[in-house]
């Protein structure tokens, strides 16, 4: 049986709430999984315009467990260095974006989220680890499918977040919000799996192209060996 879905607040009502001081609404449409330190849930894609079909995601989307594991295992992060620093110091060494435990936690929940999502939604994820009594380390972002490609967004990666004594806790409420400027580049272990994006001349010349999103070819993921 289909799972019960939470009601999504239309954008117009969210605007009304922001200016009316009403009780805080849910900012997600369905909670796939949650524990005290992590969650996976569905949210309305901020870029979707129902009147523009080309902005809709291809959801529900079916991926195999093998594809998802390979997608998460192959993701790499590398310390971001601007053009001049890169010329002086070279590129930093890439590291896995997720460890084994994080991949085991995320894989079934992201698969479920993609299967439950509608075209107006994406799947978001959030993982945190305590640093001390008032600080935690946050990794968060989102995932969606379009044109046979898996888009992965990394909004935060091991970002330190100072827990406020009172007030809105942004890190759990807004997983797509960068708590600090993203200091890593998002890469993949095999370049042929990455769908190239248009690069502007000056970004290419200076080496300053910097993005927290990567697009993976699902057909190539399915051909990879476990």
N, C-alpha and C. Protein backbone atom coordinates (compact mmCIF):
# COMPACT_ATOMS: atom_id res chain seq x y z
N UNK A 1 0.84 -1.21 0.00
CA UNK A 1 0.00 0.00 0.00
C UNK A 1 0.87 1.26 0.00
N UNK A 2 0.45 2.31 -0.72
CA UNK A 2 1.23 3.55 -0.71
C UNK A 2 1.30 4.12 0.70
N UNK A 3 2.43 4.69 1.05
CA UNK A 3 2.58 5.28 2.36
C UNK A 3 1.84 6.61 2.42
N UNK A 4 1.38 6.94 3.63
CA UNK A 4 0.68 8.21 3.82
C UNK A 4 1.66 9.35 3.63
N UNK A 5 1.26 10.36 2.90
CA UNK A 5 2.12 11.49 2.61
C UNK A 5 1.70 12.70 3.41
N UNK A 6 2.69 13.45 3.89
CA UNK A 6 2.40 14.72 4.55
C UNK A 6 1.97 15.75 3.51
N UNK A 7 1.15 16.67 3.91
CA UNK A 7 0.69 17.71 2.99
C UNK A 7 1.80 18.72 2.77
N UNK A 8 1.99 19.15 1.52
CA UNK A 8 3.01 20.13 1.17
C UNK A 8 2.41 21.53 1.23
N UNK A 9 3.08 22.42 1.92
CA UNK A 9 2.61 23.82 1.97
C UNK A 9 2.88 24.50 0.65
N UNK A 10 1.85 25.04 -0.01
CA UNK A 10 2.08 25.79 -1.25
C UNK A 10 2.95 27.00 -0.97
N UNK A 11 3.77 27.44 -1.95
CA UNK A 11 4.65 28.59 -1.75
C UNK A 11 3.93 29.84 -1.28
N UNK A 12 2.71 30.07 -1.76
CA UNK A 12 2.00 31.30 -1.37
C UNK A 12 1.69 31.29 0.12
N UNK A 13 1.36 30.10 0.67
CA UNK A 13 1.06 30.03 2.09
C UNK A 13 2.32 30.17 2.93
N UNK A 14 3.45 29.71 2.41
CA UNK A 14 4.70 29.88 3.12
C UNK A 14 5.04 31.36 3.24
N UNK A 15 4.79 32.11 2.15
CA UNK A 15 5.04 33.55 2.19
C UNK A 15 4.14 34.22 3.22
N UNK A 16 2.86 33.81 3.21
CA UNK A 16 1.92 34.37 4.19
C UNK A 16 2.40 34.09 5.61
N UNK A 17 2.87 32.83 5.85
CA UNK A 17 3.35 32.47 7.18
C UNK A 17 4.53 33.32 7.60
N UNK A 18 5.46 33.57 6.67
CA UNK A 18 6.65 34.32 7.01
C UNK A 18 6.32 35.72 7.51
N UNK A 19 5.25 36.32 6.96
CA UNK A 19 4.91 37.68 7.33
C UNK A 19 3.81 37.77 8.39
N UNK A 20 3.25 36.60 8.75
CA UNK A 20 2.15 36.65 9.70
C UNK A 20 2.54 36.20 11.09
N UNK A 21 3.71 35.54 11.22
CA UNK A 21 4.13 35.08 12.54
C UNK A 21 3.34 33.91 13.05
N UNK A 22 2.77 33.10 12.15
CA UNK A 22 1.98 31.95 12.57
C UNK A 22 2.89 30.83 13.06
N UNK A 23 2.26 29.77 13.57
CA UNK A 23 3.02 28.62 14.03
C UNK A 23 3.79 28.03 12.85
N UNK A 24 5.02 27.61 13.12
CA UNK A 24 5.89 27.10 12.06
C UNK A 24 5.30 25.88 11.37
N UNK A 25 5.20 25.91 10.01
CA UNK A 25 4.69 24.76 9.28
C UNK A 25 5.80 23.77 9.00
N UNK A 26 5.45 22.59 8.49
CA UNK A 26 6.45 21.64 8.03
C UNK A 26 7.07 22.17 6.75
N UNK A 27 8.40 22.10 6.65
CA UNK A 27 9.08 22.53 5.44
C UNK A 27 9.44 21.34 4.57
N UNK A 28 8.89 20.19 4.87
CA UNK A 28 9.11 19.01 4.04
C UNK A 28 7.77 18.35 3.79
N UNK A 29 7.72 17.52 2.75
CA UNK A 29 6.45 16.90 2.38
C UNK A 29 6.31 15.48 2.90
N UNK A 30 7.44 14.78 3.13
CA UNK A 30 7.35 13.43 3.66
C UNK A 30 8.66 13.07 4.34
N UNK A 31 8.55 12.49 5.53
CA UNK A 31 9.71 12.07 6.29
C UNK A 31 9.97 10.59 6.02
N UNK A 32 11.05 10.28 5.31
CA UNK A 32 11.38 8.90 4.98
C UNK A 32 12.01 8.20 6.18
N UNK A 33 12.93 8.90 6.85
CA UNK A 33 13.67 8.29 7.98
C UNK A 33 14.19 9.41 8.87
N UNK A 34 14.24 9.13 10.17
CA UNK A 34 14.80 10.10 11.10
C UNK A 34 15.29 9.40 12.35
N UNK A 35 16.46 9.82 12.83
CA UNK A 35 16.93 9.45 14.16
C UNK A 35 17.49 10.72 14.79
N UNK A 36 18.01 10.69 16.01
CA UNK A 36 18.45 11.94 16.64
C UNK A 36 19.55 12.70 15.90
N UNK A 37 20.30 12.03 15.02
CA UNK A 37 21.43 12.69 14.37
C UNK A 37 21.33 12.74 12.85
N UNK A 38 20.30 12.15 12.25
CA UNK A 38 20.24 12.12 10.79
C UNK A 38 18.80 11.98 10.31
N UNK A 39 18.59 12.31 9.04
CA UNK A 39 17.27 12.09 8.44
C UNK A 39 17.39 12.05 6.93
N UNK A 40 16.36 11.48 6.29
CA UNK A 40 16.16 11.55 4.84
C UNK A 40 14.70 11.92 4.65
N UNK A 41 14.42 12.91 3.82
CA UNK A 41 13.03 13.32 3.65
C UNK A 41 12.82 13.92 2.25
N UNK A 42 11.57 14.11 1.89
CA UNK A 42 11.21 14.72 0.62
C UNK A 42 10.86 16.19 0.85
N UNK A 43 11.32 17.04 -0.06
CA UNK A 43 11.01 18.46 0.02
C UNK A 43 10.65 18.97 -1.37
N UNK A 44 9.95 20.08 -1.41
CA UNK A 44 9.61 20.70 -2.69
C UNK A 44 10.88 21.26 -3.32
N UNK A 45 11.12 20.93 -4.58
CA UNK A 45 12.30 21.45 -5.28
C UNK A 45 12.15 22.95 -5.50
N UNK A 46 13.09 23.77 -5.04
CA UNK A 46 12.95 25.22 -5.17
C UNK A 46 12.95 25.72 -6.60
N UNK A 47 13.49 24.93 -7.54
CA UNK A 47 13.59 25.38 -8.93
C UNK A 47 12.40 24.96 -9.78
N UNK A 48 11.49 24.18 -9.25
CA UNK A 48 10.38 23.65 -10.04
C UNK A 48 9.30 24.70 -10.26
N UNK A 49 8.89 24.83 -11.52
CA UNK A 49 7.74 25.67 -11.88
C UNK A 49 6.75 24.75 -12.59
N UNK A 50 5.58 24.48 -11.98
CA UNK A 50 4.61 23.55 -12.58
C UNK A 50 4.21 23.92 -14.01
N UNK A 51 4.34 25.20 -14.36
CA UNK A 51 3.98 25.64 -15.72
C UNK A 51 5.12 25.40 -16.73
N UNK A 52 6.28 24.98 -16.24
CA UNK A 52 7.42 24.71 -17.12
C UNK A 52 7.82 23.24 -16.96
N UNK A 53 7.33 22.38 -17.83
CA UNK A 53 7.61 20.94 -17.70
C UNK A 53 9.10 20.62 -17.65
N UNK A 54 9.93 21.42 -18.29
CA UNK A 54 11.36 21.13 -18.32
C UNK A 54 12.02 21.28 -16.95
N UNK A 55 11.32 21.93 -15.99
CA UNK A 55 11.89 22.08 -14.65
C UNK A 55 11.50 20.93 -13.72
N UNK A 56 10.58 20.08 -14.15
CA UNK A 56 10.12 18.99 -13.29
C UNK A 56 11.14 17.87 -13.24
N UNK A 57 11.23 17.21 -12.10
CA UNK A 57 12.11 16.06 -11.95
C UNK A 57 11.42 14.80 -12.44
N UNK A 58 12.19 13.78 -12.80
CA UNK A 58 11.63 12.51 -13.28
C UNK A 58 11.39 11.58 -12.10
N UNK A 59 10.37 11.94 -11.33
CA UNK A 59 10.01 11.17 -10.14
C UNK A 59 8.55 10.73 -10.25
N UNK A 60 8.25 9.54 -9.71
CA UNK A 60 9.11 8.60 -8.98
C UNK A 60 10.23 8.06 -9.87
N UNK A 61 11.38 7.78 -9.25
CA UNK A 61 12.53 7.25 -9.97
C UNK A 61 12.96 5.94 -9.32
N UNK A 62 13.25 4.96 -10.14
CA UNK A 62 13.67 3.65 -9.66
C UNK A 62 15.16 3.47 -9.95
N UNK A 63 15.94 3.28 -8.90
CA UNK A 63 17.35 2.93 -9.02
C UNK A 63 17.59 1.62 -8.29
N UNK A 64 18.55 0.86 -8.75
CA UNK A 64 18.90 -0.38 -8.06
C UNK A 64 19.77 -0.04 -6.85
N UNK A 65 19.80 -0.95 -5.90
CA UNK A 65 20.69 -0.76 -4.75
C UNK A 65 22.14 -0.63 -5.22
N UNK A 66 22.51 -1.43 -6.20
CA UNK A 66 23.86 -1.40 -6.73
C UNK A 66 24.20 -0.01 -7.27
N UNK A 67 23.28 0.60 -8.02
CA UNK A 67 23.52 1.93 -8.55
C UNK A 67 23.72 2.95 -7.43
N UNK A 68 22.86 2.89 -6.41
CA UNK A 68 22.97 3.86 -5.33
C UNK A 68 24.26 3.68 -4.54
N UNK A 69 24.61 2.43 -4.24
CA UNK A 69 25.86 2.18 -3.51
C UNK A 69 27.04 2.71 -4.30
N UNK A 70 27.07 2.44 -5.59
CA UNK A 70 28.18 2.90 -6.42
C UNK A 70 28.21 4.42 -6.51
N UNK A 71 27.03 5.03 -6.58
CA UNK A 71 26.98 6.49 -6.62
C UNK A 71 27.58 7.09 -5.36
N UNK A 72 27.20 6.57 -4.21
CA UNK A 72 27.69 7.12 -2.94
C UNK A 72 29.16 6.76 -2.71
N UNK A 73 29.55 5.54 -3.04
CA UNK A 73 30.94 5.12 -2.85
C UNK A 73 31.88 5.90 -3.75
N UNK A 74 31.42 6.24 -4.96
CA UNK A 74 32.29 6.91 -5.91
C UNK A 74 32.43 8.40 -5.71
N UNK A 75 31.55 9.00 -4.92
CA UNK A 75 31.63 10.45 -4.69
C UNK A 75 32.88 10.80 -3.90
N UNK A 76 33.54 11.86 -4.32
CA UNK A 76 34.75 12.35 -3.66
C UNK A 76 34.61 13.84 -3.36
N UNK A 77 35.28 14.28 -2.31
CA UNK A 77 35.38 15.70 -2.00
C UNK A 77 36.86 16.07 -1.98
N UNK A 78 37.14 17.27 -2.43
CA UNK A 78 38.52 17.76 -2.46
C UNK A 78 38.53 19.20 -2.00
N UNK A 79 39.45 19.53 -1.13
CA UNK A 79 39.56 20.89 -0.63
C UNK A 79 39.56 21.88 -1.79
N UNK A 80 38.67 22.85 -1.71
CA UNK A 80 38.57 23.85 -2.77
C UNK A 80 39.74 24.83 -2.69
N UNK A 81 40.40 25.03 -3.82
CA UNK A 81 41.47 26.01 -3.92
C UNK A 81 41.22 26.87 -5.15
N UNK A 82 41.23 28.18 -4.97
CA UNK A 82 41.01 29.09 -6.10
C UNK A 82 42.19 29.02 -7.06
N UNK A 83 42.02 29.64 -8.23
CA UNK A 83 43.03 29.56 -9.28
C UNK A 83 44.44 29.89 -8.84
N UNK A 84 44.69 31.07 -8.25
CA UNK A 84 46.07 31.41 -7.84
C UNK A 84 46.65 30.43 -6.82
N UNK A 85 45.84 30.01 -5.85
CA UNK A 85 46.33 29.06 -4.85
C UNK A 85 46.61 27.72 -5.50
N UNK A 86 45.75 27.35 -6.45
CA UNK A 86 45.95 26.08 -7.15
C UNK A 86 47.25 26.10 -7.94
N UNK A 87 47.57 27.25 -8.55
CA UNK A 87 48.82 27.35 -9.32
C UNK A 87 50.03 27.20 -8.39
N UNK A 88 49.92 27.73 -7.17
CA UNK A 88 51.05 27.69 -6.23
C UNK A 88 51.17 26.34 -5.53
N UNK A 89 50.04 25.79 -5.11
CA UNK A 89 50.07 24.59 -4.26
C UNK A 89 49.59 23.33 -4.96
N UNK A 90 49.02 23.48 -6.14
CA UNK A 90 48.48 22.33 -6.83
C UNK A 90 47.13 21.92 -6.27
N UNK A 91 46.61 20.79 -6.73
CA UNK A 91 45.31 20.29 -6.27
C UNK A 91 45.47 19.50 -4.98
N UNK A 92 44.46 19.62 -4.12
CA UNK A 92 44.44 18.79 -2.92
C UNK A 92 44.05 17.36 -3.30
N UNK A 93 44.34 16.42 -2.42
CA UNK A 93 43.98 15.03 -2.66
C UNK A 93 42.49 14.81 -2.38
N UNK A 94 41.78 14.11 -3.28
CA UNK A 94 40.36 13.83 -3.03
C UNK A 94 40.19 12.75 -1.95
N UNK A 95 39.08 12.84 -1.24
CA UNK A 95 38.74 11.88 -0.20
C UNK A 95 37.30 11.42 -0.40
N UNK A 96 36.93 10.23 0.08
CA UNK A 96 35.54 9.78 -0.03
C UNK A 96 34.59 10.78 0.63
N UNK A 97 33.47 11.04 -0.02
CA UNK A 97 32.48 11.96 0.54
C UNK A 97 31.74 11.34 1.72
N UNK A 98 31.55 10.01 1.68
CA UNK A 98 30.82 9.31 2.74
C UNK A 98 31.63 8.10 3.20
N UNK A 99 31.56 7.79 4.48
CA UNK A 99 32.21 6.58 4.97
C UNK A 99 31.24 5.40 4.88
N UNK A 100 31.71 4.21 5.24
CA UNK A 100 30.93 2.99 5.07
C UNK A 100 29.62 3.05 5.84
N UNK A 101 29.65 3.53 7.08
CA UNK A 101 28.44 3.59 7.90
C UNK A 101 27.42 4.56 7.31
N UNK A 102 27.90 5.68 6.79
CA UNK A 102 26.99 6.66 6.18
C UNK A 102 26.34 6.10 4.92
N UNK A 103 27.11 5.35 4.13
CA UNK A 103 26.55 4.74 2.92
C UNK A 103 25.49 3.70 3.28
N UNK A 104 25.75 2.91 4.31
CA UNK A 104 24.77 1.91 4.74
C UNK A 104 23.50 2.57 5.26
N UNK A 105 23.64 3.71 5.92
CA UNK A 105 22.48 4.44 6.44
C UNK A 105 21.67 5.06 5.30
N UNK A 106 22.35 5.71 4.36
CA UNK A 106 21.67 6.49 3.33
C UNK A 106 21.07 5.64 2.22
N UNK A 107 21.75 4.56 1.82
CA UNK A 107 21.36 3.83 0.61
C UNK A 107 19.88 3.44 0.58
N UNK A 108 19.35 2.67 1.54
CA UNK A 108 17.94 2.26 1.43
C UNK A 108 16.98 3.42 1.55
N UNK A 109 17.34 4.44 2.33
CA UNK A 109 16.43 5.57 2.54
C UNK A 109 16.38 6.49 1.31
N UNK A 110 17.52 6.70 0.66
CA UNK A 110 17.51 7.51 -0.57
C UNK A 110 16.75 6.79 -1.68
N UNK A 111 16.93 5.47 -1.78
CA UNK A 111 16.18 4.70 -2.77
C UNK A 111 14.68 4.81 -2.53
N UNK A 112 14.28 4.69 -1.28
CA UNK A 112 12.85 4.81 -0.94
C UNK A 112 12.33 6.20 -1.27
N UNK A 113 13.13 7.22 -0.94
CA UNK A 113 12.71 8.59 -1.21
C UNK A 113 12.50 8.85 -2.69
N UNK A 114 13.41 8.38 -3.52
CA UNK A 114 13.27 8.58 -4.96
C UNK A 114 12.04 7.85 -5.51
N UNK A 115 11.70 6.70 -4.94
CA UNK A 115 10.52 5.96 -5.38
C UNK A 115 9.23 6.62 -4.95
N UNK A 116 9.26 7.37 -3.84
CA UNK A 116 8.05 8.01 -3.32
C UNK A 116 7.86 9.44 -3.85
N UNK A 117 8.93 10.05 -4.34
CA UNK A 117 8.88 11.45 -4.74
C UNK A 117 7.99 11.66 -5.95
N UNK A 118 7.42 12.85 -6.05
CA UNK A 118 6.68 13.29 -7.23
C UNK A 118 7.56 14.27 -7.98
N UNK A 119 7.19 14.65 -9.21
CA UNK A 119 8.07 15.52 -10.02
C UNK A 119 8.43 16.86 -9.38
N UNK A 120 7.61 17.34 -8.45
CA UNK A 120 7.89 18.63 -7.82
C UNK A 120 8.85 18.51 -6.63
N UNK A 121 9.29 17.29 -6.30
CA UNK A 121 10.08 17.08 -5.09
C UNK A 121 11.49 16.59 -5.40
N UNK A 122 12.36 16.74 -4.40
CA UNK A 122 13.66 16.09 -4.39
C UNK A 122 13.84 15.42 -3.04
N UNK A 123 14.86 14.56 -2.93
CA UNK A 123 15.16 13.88 -1.68
C UNK A 123 16.30 14.63 -1.01
N UNK A 124 16.15 14.94 0.28
CA UNK A 124 17.22 15.59 1.01
C UNK A 124 17.75 14.65 2.08
N UNK A 125 19.01 14.87 2.46
CA UNK A 125 19.63 14.05 3.50
C UNK A 125 20.40 14.94 4.47
N UNK A 126 20.57 14.41 5.68
CA UNK A 126 21.26 15.16 6.74
C UNK A 126 21.91 14.15 7.67
N UNK A 127 23.20 14.33 7.93
CA UNK A 127 23.94 13.49 8.88
C UNK A 127 24.77 14.42 9.76
N UNK A 128 24.74 14.19 11.06
CA UNK A 128 25.54 15.02 11.96
C UNK A 128 26.27 14.15 12.97
N UNK A 129 27.37 14.71 13.48
CA UNK A 129 28.16 14.05 14.52
C UNK A 129 28.49 15.10 15.57
N UNK A 130 28.33 14.79 16.86
CA UNK A 130 28.65 15.77 17.89
C UNK A 130 30.15 16.06 17.96
N UNK A 131 30.48 17.34 18.10
CA UNK A 131 31.86 17.75 18.31
C UNK A 131 32.10 18.00 19.78
N UNK A 132 31.18 18.72 20.39
CA UNK A 132 31.18 18.93 21.84
C UNK A 132 29.76 19.25 22.26
N UNK A 133 29.58 19.78 23.45
CA UNK A 133 28.23 20.01 23.97
C UNK A 133 27.44 21.05 23.18
N UNK A 134 28.13 21.94 22.49
CA UNK A 134 27.44 23.03 21.79
C UNK A 134 27.69 23.05 20.29
N UNK A 135 28.40 22.08 19.76
CA UNK A 135 28.76 22.11 18.35
C UNK A 135 28.62 20.73 17.74
N UNK A 136 28.18 20.69 16.47
CA UNK A 136 28.13 19.44 15.74
C UNK A 136 28.66 19.62 14.32
N UNK A 137 29.05 18.50 13.72
CA UNK A 137 29.58 18.48 12.36
C UNK A 137 28.50 17.98 11.42
N UNK A 138 28.20 18.75 10.39
CA UNK A 138 27.04 18.49 9.56
C UNK A 138 27.44 18.19 8.11
N UNK A 139 26.85 17.12 7.56
CA UNK A 139 26.92 16.83 6.14
C UNK A 139 25.50 16.73 5.63
N UNK A 140 25.15 17.52 4.62
CA UNK A 140 23.76 17.52 4.15
C UNK A 140 23.70 17.92 2.68
N UNK A 141 22.56 17.61 2.07
CA UNK A 141 22.39 17.95 0.66
C UNK A 141 21.12 17.34 0.11
N UNK A 142 21.11 17.08 -1.20
CA UNK A 142 19.91 16.55 -1.83
C UNK A 142 20.25 15.72 -3.05
N UNK A 143 19.20 15.12 -3.62
CA UNK A 143 19.36 14.21 -4.75
C UNK A 143 18.07 14.20 -5.56
N UNK A 144 18.19 14.20 -6.89
CA UNK A 144 17.02 14.09 -7.76
C UNK A 144 17.45 13.51 -9.10
N UNK A 145 16.47 13.05 -9.87
CA UNK A 145 16.73 12.43 -11.17
C UNK A 145 16.05 13.26 -12.25
N UNK A 146 16.77 13.50 -13.35
CA UNK A 146 16.20 14.18 -14.51
C UNK A 146 16.99 13.78 -15.75
N UNK A 147 16.27 13.48 -16.83
CA UNK A 147 16.89 13.12 -18.12
C UNK A 147 17.81 11.92 -18.00
N UNK A 148 17.47 10.97 -17.13
CA UNK A 148 18.29 9.79 -16.97
C UNK A 148 19.58 10.03 -16.21
N UNK A 149 19.66 11.18 -15.53
CA UNK A 149 20.87 11.54 -14.80
C UNK A 149 20.54 11.73 -13.32
N UNK A 150 21.45 11.32 -12.47
CA UNK A 150 21.30 11.50 -11.03
C UNK A 150 22.06 12.76 -10.61
N UNK A 151 21.32 13.74 -10.10
CA UNK A 151 21.92 14.97 -9.61
C UNK A 151 22.15 14.85 -8.10
N UNK A 152 23.38 15.11 -7.67
CA UNK A 152 23.71 15.05 -6.25
C UNK A 152 24.18 16.43 -5.81
N UNK A 153 23.55 16.97 -4.76
CA UNK A 153 23.90 18.27 -4.21
C UNK A 153 24.56 18.08 -2.86
N UNK A 154 25.71 18.69 -2.67
CA UNK A 154 26.37 18.69 -1.36
C UNK A 154 26.35 20.12 -0.83
N UNK A 155 25.46 20.39 0.11
CA UNK A 155 25.34 21.74 0.67
C UNK A 155 26.32 21.96 1.80
N UNK A 156 26.56 20.91 2.58
CA UNK A 156 27.51 20.97 3.70
C UNK A 156 28.30 19.68 3.74
N UNK A 157 29.57 19.77 4.03
CA UNK A 157 30.37 18.56 4.22
C UNK A 157 31.31 18.76 5.40
N UNK A 158 31.01 18.04 6.48
CA UNK A 158 31.77 18.15 7.73
C UNK A 158 31.87 19.62 8.17
N UNK A 159 30.75 20.32 8.03
CA UNK A 159 30.68 21.73 8.42
C UNK A 159 30.37 21.84 9.90
N UNK A 160 31.16 22.60 10.63
CA UNK A 160 30.90 22.81 12.05
C UNK A 160 29.77 23.80 12.25
N UNK A 161 28.81 23.40 13.08
CA UNK A 161 27.64 24.25 13.34
C UNK A 161 27.51 24.47 14.85
N UNK A 162 27.52 25.72 15.25
CA UNK A 162 27.36 26.09 16.66
C UNK A 162 25.87 26.09 16.99
N UNK A 163 25.45 25.20 17.86
CA UNK A 163 24.04 25.08 18.21
C UNK A 163 23.62 26.30 19.02
N UNK A 164 22.62 27.06 18.55
CA UNK A 164 22.21 28.26 19.29
C UNK A 164 21.51 27.88 20.59
N UNK A 165 21.65 28.72 21.63
CA UNK A 165 20.97 28.42 22.89
C UNK A 165 19.45 28.47 22.77
N UNK A 166 18.97 29.22 21.81
CA UNK A 166 17.52 29.30 21.58
C UNK A 166 17.31 29.79 20.15
N UNK A 167 16.10 29.56 19.64
CA UNK A 167 15.80 30.04 18.31
C UNK A 167 15.82 28.93 17.28
N UNK A 168 15.79 29.34 16.01
CA UNK A 168 15.67 28.40 14.90
C UNK A 168 16.97 27.64 14.69
N UNK A 169 16.86 26.32 14.59
CA UNK A 169 18.03 25.48 14.32
C UNK A 169 18.07 25.21 12.83
N UNK A 170 18.89 25.96 12.12
CA UNK A 170 18.87 25.94 10.66
C UNK A 170 19.38 24.64 10.08
N UNK A 171 20.34 24.01 10.73
CA UNK A 171 20.99 22.88 10.09
C UNK A 171 20.03 21.72 9.87
N UNK A 172 19.14 21.45 10.79
CA UNK A 172 18.18 20.36 10.62
C UNK A 172 16.97 20.78 9.80
N UNK A 173 16.59 22.03 9.87
CA UNK A 173 15.39 22.47 9.16
C UNK A 173 15.66 22.69 7.67
N UNK A 174 16.86 23.12 7.34
CA UNK A 174 17.17 23.46 5.95
C UNK A 174 18.42 22.71 5.47
N UNK A 175 18.29 21.44 5.10
CA UNK A 175 19.47 20.65 4.69
C UNK A 175 20.11 21.15 3.40
N UNK A 176 19.38 21.92 2.57
CA UNK A 176 19.96 22.45 1.34
C UNK A 176 20.64 23.80 1.56
N UNK A 177 20.57 24.31 2.78
CA UNK A 177 21.17 25.61 3.11
C UNK A 177 22.61 25.40 3.56
N UNK A 178 23.56 26.11 2.94
CA UNK A 178 24.96 26.00 3.33
C UNK A 178 25.20 26.83 4.59
N UNK A 179 25.63 26.17 5.64
CA UNK A 179 25.86 26.84 6.92
C UNK A 179 27.09 27.74 6.86
N UNK A 180 27.99 27.44 5.93
CA UNK A 180 29.20 28.23 5.68
C UNK A 180 29.56 28.03 4.22
N UNK A 181 30.36 28.91 3.64
CA UNK A 181 30.77 28.69 2.25
C UNK A 181 31.37 27.30 2.08
N UNK A 182 30.90 26.57 1.09
CA UNK A 182 31.37 25.21 0.87
C UNK A 182 32.86 25.23 0.52
N UNK A 183 33.65 24.50 1.30
CA UNK A 183 35.11 24.55 1.11
C UNK A 183 35.65 23.30 0.42
N UNK A 184 34.77 22.56 -0.28
CA UNK A 184 35.21 21.38 -1.02
C UNK A 184 34.59 21.40 -2.42
N UNK A 185 35.28 20.73 -3.35
CA UNK A 185 34.72 20.45 -4.66
C UNK A 185 34.15 19.04 -4.63
N UNK A 186 33.05 18.83 -5.33
CA UNK A 186 32.42 17.52 -5.40
C UNK A 186 32.85 16.84 -6.69
N UNK A 187 33.43 15.65 -6.57
CA UNK A 187 33.98 14.92 -7.71
C UNK A 187 33.44 13.50 -7.72
N UNK A 188 33.82 12.75 -8.76
CA UNK A 188 33.48 11.34 -8.83
C UNK A 188 34.72 10.56 -9.25
N UNK A 189 34.83 9.32 -8.77
CA UNK A 189 36.06 8.56 -8.97
C UNK A 189 36.34 8.24 -10.44
N UNK A 190 35.31 8.13 -11.26
CA UNK A 190 35.52 7.88 -12.68
C UNK A 190 34.91 9.03 -13.48
N UNK A 191 35.75 9.74 -14.22
CA UNK A 191 35.30 10.95 -14.92
C UNK A 191 34.24 10.65 -15.97
N UNK A 192 34.30 9.45 -16.60
CA UNK A 192 33.34 9.15 -17.66
C UNK A 192 31.92 8.99 -17.13
N UNK A 193 31.74 8.82 -15.82
CA UNK A 193 30.41 8.71 -15.23
C UNK A 193 29.76 10.08 -15.04
N UNK A 194 30.58 11.13 -15.02
CA UNK A 194 30.09 12.48 -14.77
C UNK A 194 29.59 13.11 -16.06
N UNK A 195 28.39 13.67 -16.01
CA UNK A 195 27.84 14.40 -17.16
C UNK A 195 28.45 15.79 -17.16
N UNK A 196 29.20 16.14 -18.22
CA UNK A 196 29.87 17.45 -18.23
C UNK A 196 28.86 18.58 -18.29
N UNK A 197 29.19 19.68 -17.67
CA UNK A 197 28.33 20.85 -17.72
C UNK A 197 29.08 21.98 -18.41
N UNK A 198 28.31 22.94 -18.90
CA UNK A 198 28.91 24.06 -19.62
C UNK A 198 29.78 24.87 -18.68
N UNK A 199 30.99 25.13 -19.10
CA UNK A 199 31.95 25.88 -18.29
C UNK A 199 32.25 27.20 -18.95
N UNK A 200 32.14 28.28 -18.16
CA UNK A 200 32.44 29.60 -18.72
C UNK A 200 33.95 29.79 -18.89
N UNK A 201 34.31 30.60 -19.88
CA UNK A 201 35.72 30.74 -20.25
C UNK A 201 36.60 31.14 -19.07
N UNK A 202 36.19 32.19 -18.34
CA UNK A 202 37.06 32.68 -17.27
C UNK A 202 37.16 31.69 -16.12
N UNK A 203 36.11 30.92 -15.89
CA UNK A 203 36.18 29.89 -14.86
C UNK A 203 37.20 28.83 -15.25
N UNK A 204 37.15 28.42 -16.52
CA UNK A 204 38.10 27.41 -17.00
C UNK A 204 39.53 27.96 -16.97
N UNK A 205 39.71 29.22 -17.39
CA UNK A 205 41.04 29.81 -17.46
C UNK A 205 41.65 29.97 -16.06
N UNK A 206 40.85 30.44 -15.11
CA UNK A 206 41.35 30.69 -13.77
C UNK A 206 41.28 29.47 -12.86
N UNK A 207 40.59 28.43 -13.31
CA UNK A 207 40.43 27.26 -12.45
C UNK A 207 39.51 27.52 -11.29
N UNK A 208 38.56 28.43 -11.46
CA UNK A 208 37.69 28.82 -10.35
C UNK A 208 36.30 28.23 -10.44
N UNK A 209 36.06 27.30 -11.34
CA UNK A 209 34.75 26.66 -11.43
C UNK A 209 34.54 25.86 -10.14
N UNK A 210 33.49 26.20 -9.40
CA UNK A 210 33.31 25.62 -8.07
C UNK A 210 31.83 25.37 -7.85
N UNK A 211 31.46 24.12 -7.58
CA UNK A 211 30.05 23.80 -7.45
C UNK A 211 29.87 22.67 -6.45
N UNK A 212 28.77 22.73 -5.73
CA UNK A 212 28.42 21.67 -4.80
C UNK A 212 27.45 20.68 -5.41
N UNK A 213 27.32 20.68 -6.73
CA UNK A 213 26.43 19.74 -7.41
C UNK A 213 27.19 18.98 -8.47
N UNK A 214 26.89 17.68 -8.59
CA UNK A 214 27.50 16.85 -9.62
C UNK A 214 26.39 16.02 -10.26
N UNK A 215 26.53 15.74 -11.56
CA UNK A 215 25.51 15.01 -12.30
C UNK A 215 26.13 13.71 -12.81
N UNK A 216 25.49 12.58 -12.47
CA UNK A 216 26.01 11.26 -12.82
C UNK A 216 25.11 10.58 -13.84
N UNK A 217 25.71 9.92 -14.80
CA UNK A 217 24.98 9.18 -15.83
C UNK A 217 24.54 7.84 -15.25
N UNK A 218 23.24 7.66 -15.08
CA UNK A 218 22.73 6.43 -14.47
C UNK A 218 23.05 5.20 -15.30
N UNK A 219 23.10 5.33 -16.62
CA UNK A 219 23.39 4.17 -17.46
C UNK A 219 24.82 3.69 -17.23
N UNK A 220 25.74 4.59 -16.93
CA UNK A 220 27.11 4.19 -16.65
C UNK A 220 27.23 3.60 -15.26
N UNK A 221 26.46 4.10 -14.33
CA UNK A 221 26.46 3.52 -12.99
C UNK A 221 26.02 2.07 -13.03
N UNK A 222 25.03 1.78 -13.85
CA UNK A 222 24.51 0.42 -13.89
C UNK A 222 25.47 -0.56 -14.52
N UNK A 223 26.46 -0.06 -15.27
CA UNK A 223 27.44 -0.94 -15.90
C UNK A 223 28.63 -1.22 -15.00
N UNK A 224 28.74 -0.49 -13.90
CA UNK A 224 29.91 -0.65 -13.03
C UNK A 224 29.83 -1.95 -12.24
N UNK A 225 30.97 -2.52 -11.96
CA UNK A 225 31.03 -3.78 -11.20
C UNK A 225 31.07 -3.47 -9.72
N UNK A 226 30.45 -4.37 -8.94
CA UNK A 226 30.50 -4.23 -7.50
C UNK A 226 31.85 -4.74 -6.99
